[in-house]
């Protein structure tokens, strides 16, 4: 189940922009930091190709409630991954 959830979040099997969030909340609830980083990396990769109007806000809000805003700041300041950096900018 977890592997399938990771696949859904990273591969975005539904093309409609309305479904870009699919599986992210569930992965965050199930995996915590690891799930958040996976979803954030996936969103960051998408940002390289399209211009979004900040739909990341819901993911950050949810992660902040679950993981804590301080921990999220620590995660973003310690990454060298280009997709994560793009998401966090």
PDB file of N, CA and C in Angstrom:
ATOM      1  N   UNK A   1       0.822  -1.202   0.000  1.00  0.00           N
ATOM      2  CA  UNK A   1       0.000   0.000   0.000  1.00  0.00           C
ATOM      3  C   UNK A   1       0.863   1.262   0.000  1.00  0.00           C
ATOM      4  N   UNK A   2       1.882   1.268   0.845  1.00  0.00           N
ATOM      5  CA  UNK A   2       2.765   2.444   0.921  1.00  0.00           C
ATOM      6  C   UNK A   2       3.459   2.701  -0.410  1.00  0.00           C
ATOM      7  N   UNK A   3       3.958   1.645  -1.018  1.00  0.00           N
ATOM      8  CA  UNK A   3       4.643   1.809  -2.305  1.00  0.00           C
ATOM      9  C   UNK A   3       3.706   2.402  -3.354  1.00  0.00           C
ATOM     10  N   UNK A   4       2.472   1.934  -3.354  1.00  0.00           N
ATOM     11  CA  UNK A   4       1.481   2.446  -4.295  1.00  0.00           C
ATOM     12  C   UNK A   4       1.176   3.916  -4.018  1.00  0.00           C
ATOM     13  N   UNK A   5       1.092   4.263  -2.753  1.00  0.00           N
ATOM     14  CA  UNK A   5       0.837   5.646  -2.371  1.00  0.00           C
ATOM     15  C   UNK A   5       1.988   6.556  -2.812  1.00  0.00           C
ATOM     16  N   UNK A   6       3.213   6.093  -2.617  1.00  0.00           N
ATOM     17  CA  UNK A   6       4.370   6.862  -3.087  1.00  0.00           C
ATOM     18  C   UNK A   6       4.319   7.030  -4.604  1.00  0.00           C
ATOM     19  N   UNK A   7       3.928   5.983  -5.306  1.00  0.00           N
ATOM     20  CA  UNK A   7       3.819   6.048  -6.768  1.00  0.00           C
ATOM     21  C   UNK A   7       2.795   7.083  -7.201  1.00  0.00           C
ATOM     22  N   UNK A   8       1.662   7.095  -6.539  1.00  0.00           N
ATOM     23  CA  UNK A   8       0.602   8.048  -6.875  1.00  0.00           C
ATOM     24  C   UNK A   8       1.091   9.478  -6.684  1.00  0.00           C
ATOM     25  N   UNK A   9       1.765   9.722  -5.573  1.00  0.00           N
ATOM     26  CA  UNK A   9       2.240  11.077  -5.267  1.00  0.00           C
ATOM     27  C   UNK A   9       3.341  11.516  -6.224  1.00  0.00           C
ATOM     28  N   UNK A  10       4.245  10.627  -6.566  1.00  0.00           N
ATOM     29  CA  UNK A  10       5.374  11.027  -7.416  1.00  0.00           C
ATOM     30  C   UNK A  10       5.047  11.025  -8.905  1.00  0.00           C
ATOM     31  N   UNK A  11       4.185  10.123  -9.337  1.00  0.00           N
ATOM     32  CA  UNK A  11       3.916  10.007 -10.771  1.00  0.00           C
ATOM     33  C   UNK A  11       2.680  10.769 -11.233  1.00  0.00           C
ATOM     34  N   UNK A  12       1.836  11.197 -10.305  1.00  0.00           N
ATOM     35  CA  UNK A  12       0.629  11.962 -10.650  1.00  0.00           C
ATOM     36  C   UNK A  12      -0.122  11.296 -11.808  1.00  0.00           C
ATOM     37  N   UNK A  13      -0.738  10.131 -11.567  1.00  0.00           N
ATOM     38  CA  UNK A  13      -1.346   9.369 -12.659  1.00  0.00           C
ATOM     39  C   UNK A  13      -2.560  10.028 -13.311  1.00  0.00           C
ATOM     40  N   UNK A  14      -3.182  10.980 -12.637  1.00  0.00           N
ATOM     41  CA  UNK A  14      -4.314  11.678 -13.237  1.00  0.00           C
ATOM     42  C   UNK A  14      -3.826  13.014 -13.772  1.00  0.00           C
ATOM     43  N   UNK A  15      -4.080  13.261 -15.033  1.00  0.00           N
ATOM     44  CA  UNK A  15      -3.517  14.435 -15.709  1.00  0.00           C
ATOM     45  C   UNK A  15      -4.126  15.763 -15.267  1.00  0.00           C
ATOM     46  N   UNK A  16      -5.347  15.753 -14.810  1.00  0.00           N
ATOM     47  CA  UNK A  16      -6.015  17.006 -14.451  1.00  0.00           C
ATOM     48  C   UNK A  16      -5.330  17.684 -13.268  1.00  0.00           C
ATOM     49  N   UNK A  17      -5.138  18.976 -13.376  1.00  0.00           N
ATOM     50  CA  UNK A  17      -4.474  19.749 -12.313  1.00  0.00           C
ATOM     51  C   UNK A  17      -5.239  19.669 -10.998  1.00  0.00           C
ATOM     52  N   UNK A  18      -6.530  19.396 -11.074  1.00  0.00           N
ATOM     53  CA  UNK A  18      -7.344  19.287  -9.860  1.00  0.00           C
ATOM     54  C   UNK A  18      -6.926  18.112  -8.992  1.00  0.00           C
ATOM     55  N   UNK A  19      -6.150  17.197  -9.537  1.00  0.00           N
ATOM     56  CA  UNK A  19      -5.760  15.998  -8.794  1.00  0.00           C
ATOM     57  C   UNK A  19      -4.277  15.964  -8.439  1.00  0.00           C
ATOM     58  N   UNK A  20      -3.586  17.079  -8.571  1.00  0.00           N
ATOM     59  CA  UNK A  20      -2.160  17.123  -8.243  1.00  0.00           C
ATOM     60  C   UNK A  20      -1.880  16.768  -6.794  1.00  0.00           C
ATOM     61  N   UNK A  21      -2.850  16.973  -5.943  1.00  0.00           N
ATOM     62  CA  UNK A  21      -2.698  16.724  -4.508  1.00  0.00           C
ATOM     63  C   UNK A  21      -2.973  15.273  -4.134  1.00  0.00           C
ATOM     64  N   UNK A  22      -3.442  14.473  -5.050  1.00  0.00           N
ATOM     65  CA  UNK A  22      -3.912  13.118  -4.776  1.00  0.00           C
ATOM     66  C   UNK A  22      -2.891  12.293  -3.993  1.00  0.00           C
ATOM     67  N   UNK A  23      -3.286  11.821  -2.841  1.00  0.00           N
ATOM     68  CA  UNK A  23      -2.459  10.954  -2.016  1.00  0.00           C
ATOM     69  C   UNK A  23      -1.517  11.675  -1.071  1.00  0.00           C
ATOM     70  N   UNK A  24      -1.346  12.983  -1.242  1.00  0.00           N
ATOM     71  CA  UNK A  24      -0.374  13.699  -0.417  1.00  0.00           C
ATOM     72  C   UNK A  24      -0.754  13.718   1.062  1.00  0.00           C
ATOM     73  N   UNK A  25      -1.988  14.009   1.366  1.00  0.00           N
ATOM     74  CA  UNK A  25      -2.426  14.038   2.774  1.00  0.00           C
ATOM     75  C   UNK A  25      -2.275  12.674   3.424  1.00  0.00           C
ATOM     76  N   UNK A  26      -2.637  11.653   2.678  1.00  0.00           N
ATOM     77  CA  UNK A  26      -2.542  10.295   3.205  1.00  0.00           C
ATOM     78  C   UNK A  26      -1.086   9.900   3.441  1.00  0.00           C
ATOM     79  N   UNK A  27      -0.220  10.248   2.502  1.00  0.00           N
ATOM     80  CA  UNK A  27       1.199   9.935   2.642  1.00  0.00           C
ATOM     81  C   UNK A  27       1.808  10.705   3.810  1.00  0.00           C
ATOM     82  N   UNK A  28       1.427  11.936   3.966  1.00  0.00           N
ATOM     83  CA  UNK A  28       1.903  12.755   5.077  1.00  0.00           C
ATOM     84  C   UNK A  28       1.466  12.154   6.413  1.00  0.00           C
ATOM     85  N   UNK A  29       0.207  11.748   6.502  1.00  0.00           N
ATOM     86  CA  UNK A  29      -0.306  11.155   7.741  1.00  0.00           C
ATOM     87  C   UNK A  29       0.371   9.825   8.049  1.00  0.00           C
ATOM     88  N   UNK A  30       0.657   9.056   7.026  1.00  0.00           N
ATOM     89  CA  UNK A  30       1.242   7.730   7.199  1.00  0.00           C
ATOM     90  C   UNK A  30       2.747   7.767   7.451  1.00  0.00           C
ATOM     91  N   UNK A  31       3.457   8.649   6.758  1.00  0.00           N
ATOM     92  CA  UNK A  31       4.915   8.636   6.775  1.00  0.00           C
ATOM     93  C   UNK A  31       5.557   9.850   7.443  1.00  0.00           C
ATOM     94  N   UNK A  32       4.772  10.862   7.776  1.00  0.00           N
ATOM     95  CA  UNK A  32       5.329  12.038   8.438  1.00  0.00           C
ATOM     96  C   UNK A  32       6.325  12.779   7.565  1.00  0.00           C
ATOM     97  N   UNK A  33       7.518  13.040   8.112  1.00  0.00           N
ATOM     98  CA  UNK A  33       8.552  13.803   7.396  1.00  0.00           C
ATOM     99  C   UNK A  33       8.892  13.196   6.045  1.00  0.00           C
ATOM    100  N   UNK A  34       9.058  11.900   6.020  1.00  0.00           N
ATOM    101  CA  UNK A  34       9.427  11.222   4.769  1.00  0.00           C
ATOM    102  C   UNK A  34       8.350  11.439   3.700  1.00  0.00           C
ATOM    103  N   UNK A  35       7.090  11.331   4.097  1.00  0.00           N
ATOM    104  CA  UNK A  35       5.989  11.560   3.167  1.00  0.00           C
ATOM    105  C   UNK A  35       5.925  13.001   2.700  1.00  0.00           C
ATOM    106  N   UNK A  36       6.172  13.919   3.623  1.00  0.00           N
ATOM    107  CA  UNK A  36       6.183  15.337   3.267  1.00  0.00           C
ATOM    108  C   UNK A  36       7.278  15.631   2.245  1.00  0.00           C
ATOM    109  N   UNK A  37       8.476  15.125   2.498  1.00  0.00           N
ATOM    110  CA  UNK A  37       9.592  15.377   1.584  1.00  0.00           C
ATOM    111  C   UNK A  37       9.328  14.792   0.198  1.00  0.00           C
ATOM    112  N   UNK A  38       8.701  13.640   0.154  1.00  0.00           N
ATOM    113  CA  UNK A  38       8.360  13.025  -1.131  1.00  0.00           C
ATOM    114  C   UNK A  38       7.376  13.911  -1.899  1.00  0.00           C
ATOM    115  N   UNK A  39       6.322  14.358  -1.221  1.00  0.00           N
ATOM    116  CA  UNK A  39       5.317  15.205  -1.867  1.00  0.00           C
ATOM    117  C   UNK A  39       5.917  16.545  -2.283  1.00  0.00           C
ATOM    118  N   UNK A  40       6.738  17.129  -1.427  1.00  0.00           N
ATOM    119  CA  UNK A  40       7.361  18.419  -1.734  1.00  0.00           C
ATOM    120  C   UNK A  40       8.313  18.290  -2.925  1.00  0.00           C
ATOM    121  N   UNK A  41       9.060  17.205  -2.974  1.00  0.00           N
ATOM    122  CA  UNK A  41       9.983  16.968  -4.095  1.00  0.00           C
ATOM    123  C   UNK A  41       9.201  16.819  -5.403  1.00  0.00           C
ATOM    124  N   UNK A  42       8.101  16.103  -5.351  1.00  0.00           N
ATOM    125  CA  UNK A  42       7.268  15.915  -6.529  1.00  0.00           C
ATOM    126  C   UNK A  42       6.695  17.247  -7.010  1.00  0.00           C
ATOM    127  N   UNK A  43       6.232  18.051  -6.070  1.00  0.00           N
ATOM    128  CA  UNK A  43       5.704  19.375  -6.439  1.00  0.00           C
ATOM    129  C   UNK A  43       6.811  20.266  -6.991  1.00  0.00           C
ATOM    130  N   UNK A  44       7.988  20.189  -6.405  1.00  0.00           N
ATOM    131  CA  UNK A  44       9.116  20.979  -6.893  1.00  0.00           C
ATOM    132  C   UNK A  44       9.497  20.609  -8.315  1.00  0.00           C
ATOM    133  N   UNK A  45       9.445  19.324  -8.627  1.00  0.00           N
ATOM    134  CA  UNK A  45       9.740  18.870  -9.991  1.00  0.00           C
ATOM    135  C   UNK A  45       8.712  19.433 -10.970  1.00  0.00           C
ATOM    136  N   UNK A  46       7.459  19.487 -10.557  1.00  0.00           N
ATOM    137  CA  UNK A  46       6.413  20.049 -11.411  1.00  0.00           C
ATOM    138  C   UNK A  46       6.618  21.545 -11.634  1.00  0.00           C
ATOM    139  N   UNK A  47       7.103  22.229 -10.605  1.00  0.00           N
ATOM    140  CA  UNK A  47       7.304  23.674 -10.710  1.00  0.00           C
ATOM    141  C   UNK A  47       8.341  24.041 -11.764  1.00  0.00           C
ATOM    142  N   UNK A  48       9.221  23.106 -12.084  1.00  0.00           N
ATOM    143  CA  UNK A  48      10.215  23.366 -13.122  1.00  0.00           C
ATOM    144  C   UNK A  48       9.548  23.487 -14.494  1.00  0.00           C
ATOM    145  N   UNK A  49       8.405  22.823 -14.652  1.00  0.00           N
ATOM    146  CA  UNK A  49       7.751  22.763 -15.954  1.00  0.00           C
ATOM    147  C   UNK A  49       6.534  23.669 -16.077  1.00  0.00           C
ATOM    148  N   UNK A  50       5.907  24.000 -14.957  1.00  0.00           N
ATOM    149  CA  UNK A  50       4.698  24.825 -15.011  1.00  0.00           C
ATOM    150  C   UNK A  50       4.781  25.940 -13.977  1.00  0.00           C
ATOM    151  N   UNK A  51       3.996  26.977 -14.191  1.00  0.00           N
ATOM    152  CA  UNK A  51       3.950  28.100 -13.264  1.00  0.00           C
ATOM    153  C   UNK A  51       2.685  27.976 -12.418  1.00  0.00           C
ATOM    154  N   UNK A  52       2.874  27.728 -11.135  1.00  0.00           N
ATOM    155  CA  UNK A  52       1.737  27.557 -10.244  1.00  0.00           C
ATOM    156  C   UNK A  52       1.454  28.825  -9.479  1.00  0.00           C
ATOM    157  N   UNK A  53       0.233  28.931  -9.024  1.00  0.00           N
ATOM    158  CA  UNK A  53      -0.181  30.043  -8.173  1.00  0.00           C
ATOM    159  C   UNK A  53      -0.203  29.608  -6.716  1.00  0.00           C
ATOM    160  N   UNK A  54       0.852  29.020  -6.283  1.00  0.00           N
ATOM    161  CA  UNK A  54       1.069  28.595  -4.899  1.00  0.00           C
ATOM    162  C   UNK A  54       0.041  27.602  -4.358  1.00  0.00           C
ATOM    163  N   UNK A  55      -0.204  26.483  -5.031  1.00  0.00           N
ATOM    164  CA  UNK A  55      -1.069  25.454  -4.464  1.00  0.00           C
ATOM    165  C   UNK A  55      -0.359  24.658  -3.374  1.00  0.00           C
ATOM    166  N   UNK A  56       0.957  24.918  -3.201  1.00  0.00           N
ATOM    167  CA  UNK A  56       1.730  24.212  -2.186  1.00  0.00           C
ATOM    168  C   UNK A  56       1.288  24.586  -0.781  1.00  0.00           C
ATOM    169  N   UNK A  57       0.563  25.667  -0.660  1.00  0.00           N
ATOM    170  CA  UNK A  57       0.172  26.174   0.649  1.00  0.00           C
ATOM    171  C   UNK A  57      -0.547  25.115   1.485  1.00  0.00           C
ATOM    172  N   UNK A  58      -1.437  24.355   0.879  1.00  0.00           N
ATOM    173  CA  UNK A  58      -2.183  23.350   1.639  1.00  0.00           C
ATOM    174  C   UNK A  58      -1.257  22.255   2.164  1.00  0.00           C
ATOM    175  N   UNK A  59      -0.288  21.851   1.366  1.00  0.00           N
ATOM    176  CA  UNK A  59       0.669  20.832   1.803  1.00  0.00           C
ATOM    177  C   UNK A  59       1.511  21.363   2.961  1.00  0.00           C
ATOM    178  N   UNK A  60       1.976  22.592   2.846  1.00  0.00           N
ATOM    179  CA  UNK A  60       2.775  23.191   3.921  1.00  0.00           C
ATOM    180  C   UNK A  60       1.958  23.362   5.198  1.00  0.00           C
ATOM    181  N   UNK A  61       0.716  23.776   5.053  1.00  0.00           N
ATOM    182  CA  UNK A  61      -0.155  23.957   6.222  1.00  0.00           C
ATOM    183  C   UNK A  61      -0.378  22.621   6.938  1.00  0.00           C
ATOM    184  N   UNK A  62      -0.703  21.610   6.164  1.00  0.00           N
ATOM    185  CA  UNK A  62      -0.933  20.282   6.741  1.00  0.00           C
ATOM    186  C   UNK A  62       0.317  19.731   7.409  1.00  0.00           C
ATOM    187  N   UNK A  63       1.443  19.876   6.738  1.00  0.00           N
ATOM    188  CA  UNK A  63       2.708  19.393   7.297  1.00  0.00           C
ATOM    189  C   UNK A  63       3.064  20.164   8.561  1.00  0.00           C
ATOM    190  N   UNK A  64       2.795  21.460   8.559  1.00  0.00           N
ATOM    191  CA  UNK A  64       3.059  22.274   9.740  1.00  0.00           C
ATOM    192  C   UNK A  64       2.269  21.807  10.942  1.00  0.00           C
ATOM    193  N   UNK A  65       1.027  21.416  10.704  1.00  0.00           N
ATOM    194  CA  UNK A  65       0.182  20.920  11.792  1.00  0.00           C
ATOM    195  C   UNK A  65       0.663  19.566  12.296  1.00  0.00           C
ATOM    196  N   UNK A  66       1.127  18.734  11.391  1.00  0.00           N
ATOM    197  CA  UNK A  66       1.531  17.377  11.759  1.00  0.00           C
ATOM    198  C   UNK A  66       2.975  17.299  12.257  1.00  0.00           C
ATOM    199  N   UNK A  67       3.882  17.916  11.538  1.00  0.00           N
ATOM    200  CA  UNK A  67       5.310  17.813  11.840  1.00  0.00           C
ATOM    201  C   UNK A  67       5.790  18.979  12.698  1.00  0.00           C
ATOM    202  N   UNK A  68       5.200  20.133  12.457  1.00  0.00           N
ATOM    203  CA  UNK A  68       5.613  21.345  13.163  1.00  0.00           C
ATOM    204  C   UNK A  68       6.362  22.278  12.230  1.00  0.00           C
ATOM    205  N   UNK A  69       6.062  23.556  12.324  1.00  0.00           N
ATOM    206  CA  UNK A  69       6.669  24.539  11.429  1.00  0.00           C
ATOM    207  C   UNK A  69       8.181  24.634  11.613  1.00  0.00           C
ATOM    208  N   UNK A  70       8.640  24.500  12.851  1.00  0.00           N
ATOM    209  CA  UNK A  70      10.077  24.567  13.113  1.00  0.00           C
ATOM    210  C   UNK A  70      10.804  23.442  12.395  1.00  0.00           C
ATOM    211  N   UNK A  71      10.253  22.245  12.470  1.00  0.00           N
ATOM    212  CA  UNK A  71      10.890  21.098  11.814  1.00  0.00           C
ATOM    213  C   UNK A  71      10.883  21.266  10.297  1.00  0.00           C
ATOM    214  N   UNK A  72       9.815  21.808   9.746  1.00  0.00           N
ATOM    215  CA  UNK A  72       9.759  22.043   8.305  1.00  0.00           C
ATOM    216  C   UNK A  72      10.858  23.019   7.906  1.00  0.00           C
ATOM    217  N   UNK A  73      11.048  24.074   8.684  1.00  0.00           N
ATOM    218  CA  UNK A  73      12.117  25.039   8.404  1.00  0.00           C
ATOM    219  C   UNK A  73      13.489  24.361   8.444  1.00  0.00           C
ATOM    220  N   UNK A  74      13.675  23.462   9.397  1.00  0.00           N
ATOM    221  CA  UNK A  74      14.939  22.718   9.481  1.00  0.00           C
ATOM    222  C   UNK A  74      15.146  21.862   8.234  1.00  0.00           C
ATOM    223  N   UNK A  75      14.083  21.208   7.795  1.00  0.00           N
ATOM    224  CA  UNK A  75      14.173  20.360   6.604  1.00  0.00           C
ATOM    225  C   UNK A  75      14.523  21.184   5.373  1.00  0.00           C
ATOM    226  N   UNK A  76      13.880  22.347   5.242  1.00  0.00           N
ATOM    227  CA  UNK A  76      14.158  23.136   4.053  1.00  0.00           C
ATOM    228  C   UNK A  76      15.520  23.781   4.058  1.00  0.00           C
ATOM    229  N   UNK A  77      16.033  24.077   5.211  1.00  0.00           N
ATOM    230  CA  UNK A  77      17.345  24.722   5.246  1.00  0.00           C
ATOM    231  C   UNK A  77      18.488  23.719   5.099  1.00  0.00           C
ATOM    232  N   UNK A  78      18.184  22.437   5.220  1.00  0.00           N
ATOM    233  CA  UNK A  78      19.249  21.435   5.173  1.00  0.00           C
ATOM    234  C   UNK A  78      19.287  20.626   3.873  1.00  0.00           C
ATOM    235  N   UNK A  79      18.443  20.957   2.914  1.00  0.00           N
ATOM    236  CA  UNK A  79      18.400  20.157   1.689  1.00  0.00           C
ATOM    237  C   UNK A  79      19.256  20.760   0.574  1.00  0.00           C
ATOM    238  N   UNK A  80      19.810  19.883  -0.240  1.00  0.00           N
ATOM    239  CA  UNK A  80      20.533  20.336  -1.430  1.00  0.00           C
ATOM    240  C   UNK A  80      19.845  19.823  -2.698  1.00  0.00           C
ATOM    241  N   UNK A  81      18.708  19.171  -2.531  1.00  0.00           N
ATOM    242  CA  UNK A  81      17.962  18.639  -3.665  1.00  0.00           C
ATOM    243  C   UNK A  81      17.329  19.794  -4.458  1.00  0.00           C
ATOM    244  N   UNK A  82      17.582  19.877  -5.764  1.00  0.00           N
ATOM    245  CA  UNK A  82      17.051  21.001  -6.549  1.00  0.00           C
ATOM    246  C   UNK A  82      15.522  21.062  -6.581  1.00  0.00           C
ATOM    247  N   UNK A  83      14.855  19.913  -6.610  1.00  0.00           N
ATOM    248  CA  UNK A  83      13.389  19.914  -6.624  1.00  0.00           C
ATOM    249  C   UNK A  83      12.832  20.408  -5.292  1.00  0.00           C
ATOM    250  N   UNK A  84      13.433  19.977  -4.196  1.00  0.00           N
ATOM    251  CA  UNK A  84      12.986  20.454  -2.885  1.00  0.00           C
ATOM    252  C   UNK A  84      13.277  21.944  -2.731  1.00  0.00           C
ATOM    253  N   UNK A  85      14.432  22.377  -3.184  1.00  0.00           N
ATOM    254  CA  UNK A  85      14.758  23.807  -3.107  1.00  0.00           C
ATOM    255  C   UNK A  85      13.769  24.641  -3.909  1.00  0.00           C
ATOM    256  N   UNK A  86      13.381  24.156  -5.075  1.00  0.00           N
ATOM    257  CA  UNK A  86      12.409  24.861  -5.917  1.00  0.00           C
ATOM    258  C   UNK A  86      11.067  24.952  -5.198  1.00  0.00           C
ATOM    259  N   UNK A  87      10.666  23.886  -4.546  1.00  0.00           N
ATOM    260  CA  UNK A  87       9.405  23.890  -3.804  1.00  0.00           C
ATOM    261  C   UNK A  87       9.452  24.883  -2.652  1.00  0.00           C
ATOM    262  N   UNK A  88      10.582  24.930  -1.958  1.00  0.00           N
ATOM    263  CA  UNK A  88      10.696  25.747  -0.759  1.00  0.00           C
ATOM    264  C   UNK A  88      10.944  27.225  -1.043  1.00  0.00           C
ATOM    265  N   UNK A  89      11.282  27.580  -2.291  1.00  0.00           N
ATOM    266  CA  UNK A  89      11.580  28.988  -2.610  1.00  0.00           C
ATOM    267  C   UNK A  89      10.370  29.865  -2.471  1.00  0.00           C
TER     268      UNK A  89
END
